[in-house]
Amino acid sequence: MHIKTISEAMANLSYLIKMVQETNEPVSIGKAGKPIAVLPAYKQDESSRRLGGSWEGKVKVSDDFDDIDKDITDSFYNTAIFPDQKKN
């Protein structure tokens, strides 16, 4: 793999990108003959998306989840906001 200098990379970025796309080979960009960065080919993730997350199959929603508890409803709607306030 040939190392391109920073100035070569800046001047020829379009060409380097095209070269990486066509050959699928990365290009090294260096300074003073030593690599400091790599321009790799982009690879699309072709794996199927996994849905559900890590809790899938571990949590069960109770059948009465949406049922309304009368005591809670009464305490919410039928009490004074302030305890020393009298109900009308």
N, C-alpha and C. Protein backbone atom coordinates (compact mmCIF):
# COMPACT_ATOMS: atom_id res chain seq x y z
N MET A 1 0.85 -1.17 0.00
CA MET A 1 0.00 0.00 0.00
C MET A 1 0.90 1.24 0.00
N HIS A 2 0.69 2.10 -0.99
CA HIS A 2 1.49 3.30 -1.13
C HIS A 2 0.94 4.39 -0.22
N ILE A 3 1.81 5.12 0.45
CA ILE A 3 1.40 6.19 1.35
C ILE A 3 1.38 7.50 0.58
N LYS A 4 0.26 8.18 0.61
CA LYS A 4 0.10 9.50 0.00
C LYS A 4 0.38 10.56 1.06
N THR A 5 1.02 11.65 0.67
CA THR A 5 1.24 12.73 1.62
C THR A 5 -0.06 13.50 1.82
N ILE A 6 -0.10 14.29 2.87
CA ILE A 6 -1.30 15.08 3.15
C ILE A 6 -1.60 16.02 2.00
N SER A 7 -0.59 16.67 1.45
CA SER A 7 -0.82 17.61 0.35
C SER A 7 -1.31 16.88 -0.90
N GLU A 8 -0.77 15.67 -1.17
CA GLU A 8 -1.27 14.87 -2.30
C GLU A 8 -2.73 14.48 -2.08
N ALA A 9 -3.06 14.09 -0.87
CA ALA A 9 -4.43 13.69 -0.55
C ALA A 9 -5.39 14.86 -0.70
N MET A 10 -4.99 16.03 -0.23
CA MET A 10 -5.84 17.20 -0.35
C MET A 10 -6.06 17.59 -1.81
N ALA A 11 -5.01 17.52 -2.60
CA ALA A 11 -5.09 17.92 -4.01
C ALA A 11 -5.86 16.90 -4.85
N ASN A 12 -5.84 15.64 -4.46
CA ASN A 12 -6.42 14.57 -5.28
C ASN A 12 -7.48 13.76 -4.54
N LEU A 13 -8.21 14.39 -3.64
CA LEU A 13 -9.18 13.65 -2.83
C LEU A 13 -10.22 12.94 -3.68
N SER A 14 -10.76 13.61 -4.68
CA SER A 14 -11.78 12.98 -5.55
C SER A 14 -11.21 11.73 -6.21
N TYR A 15 -9.98 11.84 -6.72
CA TYR A 15 -9.33 10.69 -7.37
C TYR A 15 -9.12 9.56 -6.37
N LEU A 16 -8.66 9.88 -5.16
CA LEU A 16 -8.41 8.84 -4.16
C LEU A 16 -9.71 8.14 -3.76
N ILE A 17 -10.78 8.91 -3.63
CA ILE A 17 -12.08 8.30 -3.29
C ILE A 17 -12.53 7.37 -4.40
N LYS A 18 -12.38 7.80 -5.64
CA LYS A 18 -12.76 6.96 -6.78
C LYS A 18 -11.91 5.69 -6.80
N MET A 19 -10.62 5.83 -6.52
CA MET A 19 -9.71 4.68 -6.51
C MET A 19 -10.12 3.67 -5.42
N VAL A 20 -10.48 4.18 -4.25
CA VAL A 20 -10.91 3.31 -3.14
C VAL A 20 -12.20 2.60 -3.51
N GLN A 21 -13.14 3.32 -4.14
CA GLN A 21 -14.42 2.72 -4.54
C GLN A 21 -14.21 1.59 -5.55
N GLU A 22 -13.35 1.83 -6.52
CA GLU A 22 -13.15 0.85 -7.59
C GLU A 22 -12.34 -0.35 -7.16
N THR A 23 -11.31 -0.14 -6.36
CA THR A 23 -10.41 -1.24 -6.00
C THR A 23 -10.76 -1.88 -4.66
N ASN A 24 -11.55 -1.18 -3.84
CA ASN A 24 -11.89 -1.66 -2.49
C ASN A 24 -10.66 -1.74 -1.60
N GLU A 25 -9.57 -1.11 -2.00
CA GLU A 25 -8.33 -1.09 -1.22
C GLU A 25 -8.21 0.25 -0.50
N PRO A 26 -7.86 0.25 0.77
CA PRO A 26 -7.71 1.52 1.49
C PRO A 26 -6.47 2.29 1.03
N VAL A 27 -6.50 3.58 1.24
CA VAL A 27 -5.36 4.45 0.92
C VAL A 27 -4.83 5.02 2.21
N SER A 28 -3.52 4.93 2.40
CA SER A 28 -2.89 5.49 3.59
C SER A 28 -2.45 6.92 3.30
N ILE A 29 -2.66 7.78 4.26
CA ILE A 29 -2.22 9.16 4.17
C ILE A 29 -1.20 9.35 5.28
N GLY A 30 -0.05 9.90 4.92
CA GLY A 30 1.02 9.99 5.89
C GLY A 30 1.71 11.32 5.94
N LYS A 31 2.59 11.42 6.91
CA LYS A 31 3.40 12.61 7.10
C LYS A 31 4.80 12.13 7.40
N ALA A 32 5.76 12.65 6.68
CA ALA A 32 7.17 12.27 6.83
C ALA A 32 7.36 10.77 6.59
N GLY A 33 6.59 10.21 5.66
CA GLY A 33 6.74 8.81 5.30
C GLY A 33 6.08 7.82 6.24
N LYS A 34 5.41 8.31 7.27
CA LYS A 34 4.75 7.43 8.23
C LYS A 34 3.23 7.61 8.13
N PRO A 35 2.50 6.51 8.10
CA PRO A 35 1.04 6.62 7.98
C PRO A 35 0.42 7.26 9.23
N ILE A 36 -0.54 8.16 8.99
CA ILE A 36 -1.24 8.79 10.12
C ILE A 36 -2.74 8.64 10.00
N ALA A 37 -3.22 8.29 8.78
CA ALA A 37 -4.66 8.11 8.57
C ALA A 37 -4.87 7.13 7.44
N VAL A 38 -6.06 6.53 7.40
CA VAL A 38 -6.40 5.58 6.35
C VAL A 38 -7.76 5.98 5.79
N LEU A 39 -7.87 5.95 4.46
CA LEU A 39 -9.13 6.21 3.77
C LEU A 39 -9.65 4.85 3.31
N PRO A 40 -10.58 4.24 4.08
CA PRO A 40 -11.08 2.90 3.72
C PRO A 40 -12.30 2.99 2.81
N ALA A 41 -12.64 1.88 2.19
CA ALA A 41 -13.87 1.79 1.41
C ALA A 41 -15.04 1.64 2.38
N TYR A 42 -16.15 2.29 2.06
CA TYR A 42 -17.36 2.19 2.90
C TYR A 42 -18.06 0.88 2.58
N LYS A 43 -18.41 0.15 3.62
CA LYS A 43 -19.12 -1.11 3.44
C LYS A 43 -20.47 -1.00 4.14
N GLN A 44 -21.53 -1.10 3.35
CA GLN A 44 -22.90 -1.03 3.89
C GLN A 44 -23.16 -2.27 4.75
N ASP A 45 -23.78 -2.06 5.90
CA ASP A 45 -24.15 -3.18 6.77
C ASP A 45 -25.35 -3.89 6.14
N GLU A 46 -25.14 -5.11 5.71
CA GLU A 46 -26.19 -5.87 5.02
C GLU A 46 -26.97 -6.78 5.96
N SER A 47 -26.57 -6.85 7.23
CA SER A 47 -27.25 -7.74 8.16
C SER A 47 -28.65 -7.19 8.46
N SER A 48 -29.57 -8.11 8.72
CA SER A 48 -30.94 -7.69 9.00
C SER A 48 -31.01 -7.05 10.38
N ARG A 49 -31.91 -6.11 10.52
CA ARG A 49 -32.05 -5.39 11.77
C ARG A 49 -32.76 -6.28 12.79
N ARG A 50 -32.20 -6.36 13.97
CA ARG A 50 -32.78 -7.17 15.04
C ARG A 50 -33.68 -6.28 15.88
N LEU A 51 -34.94 -6.64 15.95
CA LEU A 51 -35.90 -5.86 16.72
C LEU A 51 -36.15 -6.51 18.07
N GLY A 52 -36.63 -5.72 18.99
CA GLY A 52 -37.04 -6.28 20.28
C GLY A 52 -36.14 -5.90 21.43
N GLY A 53 -34.89 -5.75 21.18
CA GLY A 53 -33.98 -5.38 22.25
C GLY A 53 -33.66 -6.52 23.19
N SER A 54 -32.93 -6.20 24.25
CA SER A 54 -32.45 -7.24 25.16
C SER A 54 -33.52 -7.75 26.12
N TRP A 55 -34.66 -7.05 26.24
CA TRP A 55 -35.72 -7.48 27.14
C TRP A 55 -36.76 -8.36 26.45
N GLU A 56 -36.61 -8.58 25.15
CA GLU A 56 -37.59 -9.37 24.42
C GLU A 56 -37.70 -10.77 25.02
N GLY A 57 -38.92 -11.16 25.31
CA GLY A 57 -39.18 -12.49 25.86
C GLY A 57 -38.97 -12.59 27.37
N LYS A 58 -38.48 -11.53 28.01
CA LYS A 58 -38.21 -11.58 29.44
C LYS A 58 -39.27 -10.85 30.27
N VAL A 59 -40.11 -10.06 29.60
CA VAL A 59 -41.10 -9.27 30.31
C VAL A 59 -42.49 -9.65 29.81
N LYS A 60 -43.41 -9.82 30.76
CA LYS A 60 -44.79 -10.13 30.40
C LYS A 60 -45.68 -9.06 31.01
N VAL A 61 -46.55 -8.49 30.18
CA VAL A 61 -47.49 -7.49 30.65
C VAL A 61 -48.72 -8.23 31.17
N SER A 62 -49.10 -7.90 32.38
CA SER A 62 -50.24 -8.55 33.01
C SER A 62 -51.52 -8.27 32.23
N ASP A 63 -52.45 -9.23 32.24
CA ASP A 63 -53.72 -9.07 31.53
C ASP A 63 -54.55 -7.91 32.07
N ASP A 64 -54.39 -7.60 33.37
CA ASP A 64 -55.18 -6.52 33.96
C ASP A 64 -54.39 -5.19 34.02
N PHE A 65 -53.40 -5.05 33.18
CA PHE A 65 -52.54 -3.86 33.18
C PHE A 65 -53.35 -2.57 33.02
N ASP A 66 -54.32 -2.56 32.11
CA ASP A 66 -55.10 -1.36 31.83
C ASP A 66 -56.34 -1.20 32.71
N ASP A 67 -56.59 -2.14 33.59
CA ASP A 67 -57.75 -2.04 34.48
C ASP A 67 -57.56 -0.88 35.46
N ILE A 68 -58.67 -0.20 35.79
CA ILE A 68 -58.61 0.95 36.68
C ILE A 68 -58.97 0.52 38.09
N ASP A 69 -58.13 0.88 39.04
CA ASP A 69 -58.37 0.56 40.44
C ASP A 69 -59.23 1.66 41.05
N LYS A 70 -60.40 1.29 41.60
CA LYS A 70 -61.35 2.27 42.13
C LYS A 70 -60.77 3.06 43.30
N ASP A 71 -60.02 2.42 44.19
CA ASP A 71 -59.45 3.12 45.34
C ASP A 71 -58.48 4.22 44.90
N ILE A 72 -57.66 3.92 43.91
CA ILE A 72 -56.70 4.92 43.42
C ILE A 72 -57.44 6.06 42.73
N THR A 73 -58.45 5.73 41.93
CA THR A 73 -59.23 6.76 41.24
C THR A 73 -59.93 7.65 42.25
N ASP A 74 -60.54 7.06 43.28
CA ASP A 74 -61.21 7.85 44.31
C ASP A 74 -60.23 8.75 45.05
N SER A 75 -59.09 8.22 45.40
CA SER A 75 -58.12 9.04 46.14
C SER A 75 -57.56 10.16 45.27
N PHE A 76 -57.56 9.98 43.98
CA PHE A 76 -57.06 11.01 43.08
C PHE A 76 -58.10 12.09 42.83
N TYR A 77 -59.34 11.69 42.54
CA TYR A 77 -60.37 12.65 42.17
C TYR A 77 -61.21 13.17 43.34
N ASN A 78 -61.29 12.43 44.42
CA ASN A 78 -62.21 12.79 45.49
C ASN A 78 -61.53 13.24 46.78
N THR A 79 -60.37 13.81 46.69
CA THR A 79 -59.70 14.34 47.87
C THR A 79 -59.34 15.80 47.60
N ALA A 80 -59.15 16.51 48.67
CA ALA A 80 -58.75 17.92 48.55
C ALA A 80 -57.28 18.00 48.17
N ILE A 81 -56.96 19.04 47.44
CA ILE A 81 -55.56 19.21 47.05
C ILE A 81 -54.71 19.48 48.29
N PHE A 82 -55.25 20.31 49.17
CA PHE A 82 -54.55 20.60 50.41
C PHE A 82 -55.34 19.95 51.54
N PRO A 83 -54.69 19.20 52.44
CA PRO A 83 -55.41 18.44 53.46
C PRO A 83 -56.32 19.28 54.35
N ASP A 84 -55.96 20.52 54.66
CA ASP A 84 -56.78 21.33 55.55
C ASP A 84 -57.87 22.08 54.80
N GLN A 85 -57.98 21.87 53.52
CA GLN A 85 -59.02 22.50 52.72
C GLN A 85 -60.29 21.66 52.82
N LYS A 86 -61.44 22.30 53.03
CA LYS A 86 -62.70 21.57 53.18
C LYS A 86 -63.31 21.28 51.81
N LYS A 87 -63.86 20.07 51.68
CA LYS A 87 -64.57 19.70 50.46
C LYS A 87 -65.92 20.34 50.43
N ASN A 88 -66.38 20.73 49.24
CA ASN A 88 -67.73 21.30 49.10
C ASN A 88 -68.73 20.25 48.81
